[in-house]
Protein backbone atom coordinates (compact mmCIF):
# COMPACT_ATOMS: atom_id res chain seq x y z
CA UNK A 1 -0.34 56.83 -90.83
CA UNK A 2 3.05 58.46 -91.07
CA UNK A 3 5.99 56.27 -92.16
CA UNK A 4 8.62 58.74 -90.96
CA UNK A 5 9.35 56.74 -87.78
CA UNK A 6 11.10 53.40 -87.45
CA UNK A 7 11.08 51.14 -84.42
CA UNK A 8 14.61 50.18 -83.38
CA UNK A 9 16.11 47.71 -80.94
CA UNK A 10 16.48 48.89 -77.37
CA UNK A 11 19.79 50.59 -76.69
CA UNK A 12 21.34 52.84 -74.09
CA UNK A 13 19.65 56.16 -74.74
CA UNK A 14 22.10 58.80 -73.61
CA UNK A 15 20.03 61.45 -75.37
CA UNK A 16 21.94 64.22 -73.62
CA UNK A 17 22.73 64.49 -69.90
CA UNK A 18 25.25 66.39 -67.77
CA UNK A 19 28.06 64.33 -66.24
CA UNK A 20 29.28 64.49 -62.66
CA UNK A 21 32.08 63.22 -60.43
CA UNK A 22 30.89 61.85 -57.07
CA UNK A 23 33.16 62.22 -54.01
CA UNK A 24 32.48 59.68 -51.26
CA UNK A 25 34.19 57.87 -48.35
CA UNK A 26 34.62 54.14 -47.84
CA UNK A 27 34.41 52.48 -44.42
CA UNK A 28 38.07 53.37 -43.74
CA UNK A 29 37.49 57.02 -44.69
CA UNK A 30 39.49 56.73 -47.89
CA UNK A 31 38.03 59.08 -50.47
CA UNK A 32 36.92 57.78 -53.84
CA UNK A 33 35.84 59.76 -56.90
CA UNK A 34 33.35 58.05 -59.21
CA UNK A 35 32.27 59.38 -62.65
CA UNK A 36 28.55 59.13 -63.44
CA UNK A 37 27.06 59.60 -66.90
CA UNK A 38 23.79 61.28 -65.98
CA UNK A 39 21.82 62.91 -63.19
CA UNK A 40 18.98 65.37 -62.79
CA UNK A 41 17.62 67.65 -60.09
CA UNK A 42 14.10 68.57 -59.01
CA UNK A 43 13.80 71.37 -56.48
CA UNK A 44 15.97 70.24 -53.55
CA UNK A 45 16.46 66.65 -54.78
CA UNK A 46 19.09 65.05 -57.04
CA UNK A 47 18.62 61.66 -58.71
CA UNK A 48 21.38 59.55 -60.28
CA UNK A 49 22.18 55.91 -61.05
CA UNK A 50 25.26 53.85 -60.16
CA UNK A 51 26.29 50.26 -60.75
CA UNK A 52 25.89 47.70 -57.97
CA UNK A 53 29.56 46.77 -58.32
CA UNK A 54 30.83 50.35 -58.08
CA UNK A 55 32.82 51.60 -55.11
CA UNK A 56 30.43 54.55 -54.87
CA UNK A 57 27.57 52.16 -54.08
CA UNK A 58 29.61 50.45 -51.37
CA UNK A 59 30.50 53.86 -49.95
CA UNK A 60 26.98 55.27 -49.73
CA UNK A 61 25.90 52.16 -47.85
CA UNK A 62 28.48 53.23 -45.26
CA UNK A 63 27.99 57.01 -45.32
CA UNK A 64 25.03 58.94 -46.68
CA UNK A 65 27.07 62.06 -47.50
CA UNK A 66 28.55 62.70 -50.96
CA UNK A 67 29.61 65.66 -53.07
CA UNK A 68 28.39 65.96 -56.66
CA UNK A 69 31.08 67.78 -58.68
CA UNK A 70 29.85 69.08 -62.06
CA UNK A 71 32.52 69.76 -64.72
CA UNK A 72 32.24 72.15 -67.64
CA UNK A 73 33.04 71.20 -71.24
CA UNK A 74 36.74 72.11 -70.92
CA UNK A 75 37.36 69.04 -68.71
CA UNK A 76 36.00 66.45 -71.14
CA UNK A 77 39.36 64.75 -71.81
CA UNK A 78 40.10 64.41 -68.10
CA UNK A 79 36.63 63.02 -67.46
CA UNK A 80 37.01 60.53 -70.33
CA UNK A 81 40.36 59.32 -68.99
CA UNK A 82 38.87 59.05 -65.51
CA UNK A 83 35.98 56.97 -66.85
CA UNK A 84 38.43 54.69 -68.69
CA UNK A 85 40.48 54.20 -65.52
CA UNK A 86 37.43 53.48 -63.41
CA UNK A 87 36.04 51.00 -65.94
CA UNK A 88 39.39 49.23 -66.31
CA UNK A 89 39.91 48.79 -62.58
CA UNK A 90 36.26 47.82 -62.01
CA UNK A 91 36.94 44.68 -64.09
CA UNK A 92 39.55 43.45 -61.62
CA UNK A 93 38.48 40.52 -59.51
CA UNK A 94 40.06 41.81 -56.31
CA UNK A 95 38.38 44.85 -54.76
CA UNK A 96 40.81 45.42 -51.87
CA UNK A 97 42.39 48.61 -50.54
CA UNK A 98 45.27 48.40 -53.02
CA UNK A 99 42.74 48.22 -55.86
CA UNK A 100 41.09 51.52 -54.94
CA UNK A 101 44.39 53.18 -54.03
CA UNK A 102 45.52 52.47 -57.61
CA UNK A 103 42.38 54.19 -58.90
CA UNK A 104 42.92 57.26 -56.74
CA UNK A 105 46.60 57.44 -57.70
CA UNK A 106 45.60 57.42 -61.37
CA UNK A 107 43.00 60.16 -60.77
CA UNK A 108 45.62 62.36 -59.10
CA UNK A 109 47.72 62.22 -62.28
CA UNK A 110 44.91 63.69 -64.38
CA UNK A 111 45.36 67.18 -62.97
CA UNK A 112 42.23 67.51 -60.87
CA UNK A 113 42.73 69.58 -57.72
CA UNK A 114 41.00 68.58 -54.49
CA UNK A 115 39.64 71.39 -52.32
CA UNK A 116 38.97 70.93 -48.63
CA UNK A 117 35.28 71.07 -47.83
CA UNK A 118 33.56 71.48 -44.46
CA UNK A 119 30.95 68.95 -45.60
CA UNK A 120 31.92 65.81 -43.68
CA UNK A 121 35.57 66.16 -44.73
CA UNK A 122 34.87 65.30 -48.37
CA UNK A 123 36.68 67.07 -51.22
CA UNK A 124 35.31 69.36 -53.87
CA UNK A 125 37.11 69.47 -57.23
CA UNK A 126 38.47 72.88 -58.16
CA UNK A 127 38.14 72.25 -61.91
CA UNK A 128 34.40 71.59 -61.50
CA UNK A 129 32.65 75.00 -61.44
CA UNK A 130 29.65 73.66 -59.49
CA UNK A 131 29.75 71.33 -56.47
CA UNK A 132 26.73 70.12 -54.53
CA UNK A 133 26.73 68.73 -50.99
CA UNK A 134 24.25 65.86 -50.99
CA UNK A 135 22.75 63.64 -48.32
CA UNK A 136 21.52 60.33 -49.70
CA UNK A 137 17.87 59.72 -48.86
CA UNK A 138 16.91 56.55 -50.72
CA UNK A 139 18.56 53.78 -52.76
CA UNK A 140 16.26 51.88 -55.11
CA UNK A 141 17.58 48.59 -56.62
CA UNK A 142 17.01 47.94 -60.32
CA UNK A 143 18.80 44.91 -61.79
CA UNK A 144 22.50 45.80 -62.11
CA UNK A 145 22.02 49.46 -61.23
CA UNK A 146 20.88 51.39 -58.19
CA UNK A 147 18.73 54.50 -58.45
CA UNK A 148 19.84 57.02 -55.82
CA UNK A 149 17.99 60.08 -54.54
CA UNK A 150 19.43 62.68 -52.20
CA UNK A 151 18.64 66.02 -50.58
CA UNK A 152 20.77 69.04 -51.47
CA UNK A 153 22.52 70.40 -48.38
CA UNK A 154 24.65 73.11 -50.03
CA UNK A 155 25.69 74.45 -53.45
CA UNK A 156 29.11 75.95 -54.28
CA UNK A 157 29.65 77.87 -57.54
CA UNK A 158 32.69 79.58 -59.08
CA UNK A 159 32.11 83.30 -58.67
CA UNK A 160 32.72 84.08 -62.35
CA UNK A 161 29.55 82.14 -63.23
CA UNK A 162 27.31 84.27 -61.00
CA UNK A 163 25.35 87.38 -61.87
CA UNK A 164 24.81 90.36 -59.56
CA UNK A 165 22.05 88.46 -57.72
CA UNK A 166 24.22 85.36 -57.14
CA UNK A 167 22.24 83.37 -59.70
CA UNK A 168 24.09 81.20 -62.22
CA UNK A 169 24.37 83.07 -65.53
CA UNK A 170 23.23 80.63 -68.23
CA UNK A 171 25.41 82.36 -70.85
CA UNK A 172 28.52 81.65 -68.80
CA UNK A 173 27.71 78.09 -67.75
CA UNK A 174 28.48 75.40 -70.34
CA UNK A 175 28.26 71.98 -68.66
CA UNK A 176 29.84 68.87 -70.12
CA UNK A 177 27.08 66.84 -71.79
CA UNK A 178 27.16 63.13 -72.64
CA UNK A 179 25.00 62.57 -75.72
CA UNK A 180 24.78 59.26 -77.61
CA UNK A 181 28.15 58.25 -76.13
CA UNK A 182 29.83 61.45 -77.29
CA UNK A 183 30.94 64.50 -75.32
CA UNK A 184 29.46 67.84 -76.23
CA UNK A 185 28.41 71.14 -74.65
CA UNK A 186 25.45 73.46 -74.55
CA UNK A 187 25.03 76.55 -76.72
CA UNK A 188 25.49 79.71 -74.60
CA UNK A 189 22.95 81.53 -76.79
CA UNK A 190 19.44 80.61 -75.60
CA UNK A 191 16.59 79.86 -78.00
CA UNK A 192 14.24 81.66 -75.64
CA UNK A 193 13.34 82.17 -72.02
CA UNK A 194 10.23 81.31 -70.08
CA UNK A 195 9.47 83.11 -66.87
CA UNK A 196 7.05 81.14 -64.71
CA UNK A 197 4.38 83.26 -63.05
């Protein structure tokens, strides 16, 4: 038997996932932007997890429409500051309107630009090259987190990322990746390409 492996204690295994910023409305139609550390998509479905105490969870119980804004690697410092702000304010005991207004005021100072979107009045973020209109389909409870699935309603992509067929050019798209609690990016040079037949 090989001795090259060692069993370790369970830990948060951020082995490498893209990050996203979720735009959603509360029950007074105040917009909130929540950073999430991982998500994935399968065909027309997106899956992500959020904390039970997050404003995003409260919002999607009110409205099933959100926008998933996907930043590239150049925004990592803004995303990190946003995550710090969100974590700091989430520790406050009071979760009133002033609490979330303070969060949004802090986000506005980071230099993100909100773009008007026809999707239920929610905002896309200009500095995020890809934005996805999502309709929440199911929320699955799991201890302190909620697993969320949603159907993709529309996809918006910066034109400079598209090829002549309006497909995303993998050599131009370098998403921000969260790996083992560090920010990194993908290599634009592929190891290979598989064409499914």
